[in-house]
Amino acid sequence: MKKFYDKNEILFAIFWIVIYTVSMGNLRNLGDDSPYMMLGLVIVSLLMFLFVRKNGLMEKYGLSGWTKDSRIMLWFIPLWIIPALNLATGIRPHYSLPGQIFAVVSMALVGFAEELIFRGFLFKAMLKNGNAKTAITVSAITFGIGHILNLFTGHELGETLLQVAFAIAFGFIVTMVFYKSGSLLPCILSHSLTDVFAVFSNDSASPVFNWIAHGAMIVIAVFYCLYLRKIETPEINK
């Protein structure tokens, strides 16, 4: 695996995108409360983490520690607003125990796996071989388009397109955060909380509220990314 990685990091990233997409496409059909989905995510996440740790890539992929100065990043406040949107209409667990526990663990692992794949492997590979704007854009859009797979798990077209738009906006935020802070940990935490809170959200929200929430997300993304552009890029991402 290390030889493959050293030969072409972009192909290595695409390899993991395919592995993750195919496995999750099948496992999510079992339901987010399935222990088999949780087990699949544990295996995928563990394999990627062990690869990164074994080969001394923790710092490169932002897993070695939190950013040194959170104040410069506005304490990542936009990252904490996003998960809160899922609880804005109330709290209602989607599953009975132990299914709810399986779903919570699975969603937390989704945040870790997707951030390491799209912000870690893909973004850093493109940053190495191209310019920052292209790397940020491809990472964000690829991540967002991946949510089209929700069509195959029972979601309606309109709902799915809304999720894609949300994911692209979120993708730009977390990619910029990683690029400007050098730490992937805030991105993983925000992503995991967003997905975990989703299995506690009250799905009775009106379509109007959903449009407003997603519109707010896009506005937050635009202004926060414009702010982050002014921050000096750490050496590891130059």
Protein backbone atom coordinates (compact mmCIF):
# COMPACT_ATOMS: atom_id res chain seq x y z
CA MET A 1 0.00 0.00 0.00
CA LYS A 2 2.88 2.40 0.79
CA LYS A 3 4.41 1.82 -2.65
CA PHE A 4 1.07 2.64 -4.26
CA TYR A 5 0.83 5.80 -2.14
CA ASP A 6 4.36 6.93 -2.98
CA LYS A 7 3.82 6.33 -6.69
CA ASN A 8 0.66 8.41 -7.07
CA GLU A 9 -1.14 10.08 -4.16
CA ILE A 10 -4.10 11.15 -6.30
CA LEU A 11 -4.77 7.58 -7.45
CA PHE A 12 -4.38 6.49 -3.81
CA ALA A 13 -7.07 9.01 -2.81
CA ILE A 14 -9.36 7.87 -5.63
CA PHE A 15 -8.83 4.26 -4.53
CA TRP A 16 -10.13 5.10 -1.04
CA ILE A 17 -13.02 7.15 -2.44
CA VAL A 18 -14.11 4.13 -4.48
CA ILE A 19 -13.67 1.71 -1.56
CA TYR A 20 -15.62 3.98 0.76
CA THR A 21 -18.36 4.82 -1.74
CA VAL A 22 -18.99 1.22 -2.76
CA SER A 23 -18.94 -0.13 0.80
CA MET A 24 -21.16 2.63 2.19
CA GLY A 25 -23.52 2.39 -0.77
CA ASN A 26 -24.20 -1.21 0.19
CA LEU A 27 -24.05 -0.91 3.97
CA ARG A 28 -26.40 2.09 4.20
CA ASN A 29 -29.10 0.00 2.55
CA LEU A 30 -29.09 -1.99 5.80
CA GLY A 31 -29.95 1.18 7.73
CA ASP A 32 -27.87 3.58 9.80
CA ASP A 33 -28.84 1.57 12.88
CA SER A 34 -27.29 -1.62 11.51
CA PRO A 35 -24.38 -3.13 13.48
CA TYR A 36 -22.94 -4.30 10.15
CA MET A 37 -22.70 -0.72 8.92
CA MET A 38 -20.97 0.25 12.15
CA LEU A 39 -18.55 -2.66 11.80
CA GLY A 40 -17.78 -1.73 8.18
CA LEU A 41 -17.00 1.84 9.18
CA VAL A 42 -14.81 0.69 12.05
CA ILE A 43 -12.76 -1.45 9.65
CA VAL A 44 -12.39 1.24 6.96
CA SER A 45 -11.55 3.97 9.49
CA LEU A 46 -9.07 1.78 11.35
CA LEU A 47 -7.26 0.72 8.18
CA MET A 48 -6.82 4.33 7.05
CA PHE A 49 -5.75 5.54 10.48
CA LEU A 50 -3.20 2.74 10.92
CA PHE A 51 -1.76 3.49 7.46
CA VAL A 52 -1.35 7.17 8.31
CA ARG A 53 0.16 6.48 11.73
CA LYS A 54 2.48 3.68 10.62
CA ASN A 55 3.96 5.80 7.84
CA GLY A 56 4.52 8.96 9.88
CA LEU A 57 1.79 10.98 8.13
CA MET A 58 -0.10 12.21 11.20
CA GLU A 59 1.15 15.78 10.89
CA LYS A 60 0.71 15.89 7.12
CA TYR A 61 -2.95 14.97 7.43
CA GLY A 62 -3.63 17.22 10.40
CA LEU A 63 -4.13 14.45 12.97
CA SER A 64 -1.22 15.30 15.25
CA GLY A 65 -2.92 18.09 17.19
CA TRP A 66 -5.31 21.03 17.37
CA THR A 67 -4.44 24.32 15.71
CA LYS A 68 -2.17 26.52 17.83
CA ASP A 69 -4.33 29.65 17.79
CA SER A 70 -8.09 29.10 17.56
CA ARG A 71 -8.72 32.84 17.93
CA ILE A 72 -7.40 33.48 14.44
CA MET A 73 -9.94 30.99 13.13
CA LEU A 74 -12.73 32.78 15.06
CA TRP A 75 -12.69 29.77 17.40
CA PHE A 76 -14.21 27.78 14.50
CA ILE A 77 -17.65 29.15 15.48
CA PRO A 78 -19.17 28.49 12.02
CA LEU A 79 -18.19 24.83 12.41
CA TRP A 80 -20.25 24.60 15.61
CA ILE A 81 -23.27 26.41 14.13
CA ILE A 82 -23.64 23.80 11.39
CA PRO A 83 -24.30 20.77 13.65
CA ALA A 84 -26.72 22.86 15.71
CA LEU A 85 -28.94 23.34 12.65
CA ASN A 86 -29.90 19.66 12.89
CA LEU A 87 -31.39 20.23 16.34
CA ALA A 88 -33.12 23.53 15.58
CA THR A 89 -36.57 21.91 15.27
CA GLY A 90 -36.27 19.69 18.33
CA ILE A 91 -34.83 16.35 19.36
CA ARG A 92 -36.30 12.97 18.49
CA PRO A 93 -34.15 9.80 18.43
CA HIS A 94 -34.68 7.95 15.16
CA TYR A 95 -34.17 4.43 16.50
CA SER A 96 -34.73 2.40 19.63
CA LEU A 97 -31.78 1.04 21.60
CA PRO A 98 -29.35 -0.46 20.69
CA GLY A 99 -29.94 0.76 17.12
CA GLN A 100 -29.56 4.39 18.18
CA ILE A 101 -26.15 3.60 19.66
CA PHE A 102 -25.04 1.84 16.46
CA ALA A 103 -26.22 4.84 14.44
CA VAL A 104 -24.38 7.34 16.65
CA VAL A 105 -21.11 5.42 16.42
CA SER A 106 -21.52 4.97 12.66
CA MET A 107 -22.18 8.67 12.06
CA ALA A 108 -19.18 9.67 14.18
CA LEU A 109 -17.01 7.37 12.09
CA VAL A 110 -18.48 8.75 8.85
CA GLY A 111 -17.16 12.16 9.90
CA PHE A 112 -13.69 10.77 10.51
CA ALA A 113 -13.52 8.64 7.35
CA GLU A 114 -14.87 11.27 4.96
CA GLU A 115 -12.65 14.03 6.32
CA LEU A 116 -9.53 11.88 6.07
CA ILE A 117 -10.42 10.81 2.53
CA PHE A 118 -11.62 14.10 1.03
CA ARG A 119 -9.75 16.70 3.10
CA GLY A 120 -6.75 14.50 3.84
CA PHE A 121 -5.88 12.16 0.99
CA LEU A 122 -7.56 13.95 -1.94
CA PHE A 123 -6.95 17.57 -0.98
CA LYS A 124 -3.32 17.10 0.02
CA ALA A 125 -2.58 15.06 -3.10
CA MET A 126 -3.99 17.80 -5.33
CA LEU A 127 -2.30 20.52 -3.28
CA LYS A 128 1.01 18.78 -3.91
CA ASN A 129 0.45 18.52 -7.67
CA GLY A 130 -1.50 21.69 -8.42
CA ASN A 131 -2.68 25.02 -7.05
CA ALA A 132 -4.64 25.62 -3.85
CA LYS A 133 -7.80 26.97 -5.52
CA THR A 134 -8.17 23.87 -7.68
CA ALA A 135 -7.46 21.54 -4.77
CA ILE A 136 -10.03 23.26 -2.53
CA THR A 137 -12.69 23.33 -5.24
CA VAL A 138 -12.26 19.70 -6.29
CA SER A 139 -12.24 18.47 -2.69
CA ALA A 140 -15.42 20.37 -1.82
CA ILE A 141 -17.38 19.53 -4.98
CA THR A 142 -16.32 15.87 -5.07
CA PHE A 143 -17.43 15.49 -1.47
CA GLY A 144 -20.77 17.16 -2.19
CA ILE A 145 -21.54 15.20 -5.36
CA GLY A 146 -20.90 11.98 -3.45
CA HIS A 147 -24.16 12.61 -1.60
CA ILE A 148 -26.02 11.76 -4.82
CA LEU A 149 -25.77 8.21 -3.48
CA ASN A 150 -28.58 9.11 -1.09
CA LEU A 151 -30.94 8.60 -4.01
CA PHE A 152 -30.24 4.87 -3.71
CA THR A 153 -31.12 4.79 -0.01
CA GLY A 154 -34.68 6.02 -0.31
CA HIS A 155 -34.24 9.81 -0.41
CA GLU A 156 -36.26 11.91 -2.84
CA LEU A 157 -34.59 13.86 -5.68
CA GLY A 158 -35.35 17.32 -4.26
CA GLU A 159 -34.13 16.34 -0.80
CA THR A 160 -30.99 14.81 -2.25
CA LEU A 161 -30.13 17.88 -4.34
CA LEU A 162 -30.56 20.02 -1.22
CA GLN A 163 -28.17 17.72 0.64
CA VAL A 164 -25.66 17.96 -2.22
CA ALA A 165 -25.76 21.78 -2.08
CA PHE A 166 -25.36 21.66 1.72
CA ALA A 167 -22.44 19.22 1.44
CA ILE A 168 -20.62 21.32 -1.16
CA ALA A 169 -20.93 24.44 1.03
CA PHE A 170 -19.77 22.46 4.05
CA GLY A 171 -16.95 20.99 1.97
CA PHE A 172 -15.61 24.44 1.15
CA ILE A 173 -15.64 25.42 4.83
CA VAL A 174 -13.82 22.37 6.17
CA THR A 175 -11.32 22.32 3.31
CA MET A 176 -10.46 25.97 3.94
CA VAL A 177 -10.24 25.33 7.68
CA PHE A 178 -7.81 22.46 7.12
CA TYR A 179 -5.82 24.48 4.59
CA LYS A 180 -5.46 27.52 6.85
CA SER A 181 -5.16 25.83 10.25
CA GLY A 182 -3.14 22.71 9.37
CA SER A 183 -5.38 20.64 11.66
CA LEU A 184 -8.03 18.21 10.49
CA LEU A 185 -9.39 17.67 14.00
CA PRO A 186 -11.89 20.60 14.00
CA CYS A 187 -13.19 19.39 10.64
CA ILE A 188 -13.63 15.83 11.90
CA LEU A 189 -15.36 17.02 15.07
CA SER A 190 -17.78 19.30 13.23
CA HIS A 191 -18.54 16.69 10.56
CA SER A 192 -19.09 13.94 13.13
CA LEU A 193 -21.34 16.15 15.28
CA THR A 194 -23.37 17.15 12.22
CA ASP A 195 -24.02 13.53 11.30
CA VAL A 196 -24.57 12.38 14.90
CA PHE A 197 -27.07 15.17 15.57
CA ALA A 198 -28.88 14.16 12.38
CA VAL A 199 -29.97 10.89 14.04
CA PHE A 200 -31.48 12.94 16.87
CA SER A 201 -33.14 15.59 14.70
CA ASN A 202 -36.87 16.08 14.43
CA ASP A 203 -37.74 15.36 10.79
CA SER A 204 -41.06 17.21 10.99
CA ALA A 205 -39.50 20.51 9.88
CA SER A 206 -41.34 22.25 7.06
CA PRO A 207 -39.79 22.46 3.57
CA VAL A 208 -39.54 26.23 4.04
CA PHE A 209 -37.42 25.78 7.16
CA ASN A 210 -35.15 23.33 5.32
CA TRP A 211 -34.58 25.82 2.52
CA ILE A 212 -33.85 28.60 5.02
CA ALA A 213 -31.41 26.40 6.97
CA HIS A 214 -29.58 25.32 3.84
CA GLY A 215 -29.51 28.89 2.57
CA ALA A 216 -28.03 30.01 5.88
CA MET A 217 -25.40 27.31 5.54
CA ILE A 218 -24.36 28.60 2.11
CA VAL A 219 -24.17 32.20 3.38
CA ILE A 220 -22.03 31.10 6.33
CA ALA A 221 -19.75 29.21 3.95
CA VAL A 222 -19.25 32.19 1.66
CA PHE A 223 -18.39 34.70 4.38
CA TYR A 224 -16.29 32.34 6.49
CA CYS A 225 -14.24 31.21 3.49
CA LEU A 226 -13.67 34.83 2.46
CA TYR A 227 -12.42 35.52 5.97
CA LEU A 228 -10.15 32.47 6.01
CA ARG A 229 -8.49 33.56 2.77
CA LYS A 230 -6.81 36.40 4.69
CA ILE A 231 -5.15 34.06 7.19
CA GLU A 232 -1.56 33.01 6.56
CA THR A 233 -1.21 29.42 5.37
CA PRO A 234 0.92 27.18 7.62
CA GLU A 235 4.17 25.87 6.20
CA ILE A 236 2.93 22.29 5.97
CA ASN A 237 0.24 23.34 3.46
CA LYS A 238 2.42 25.60 1.34
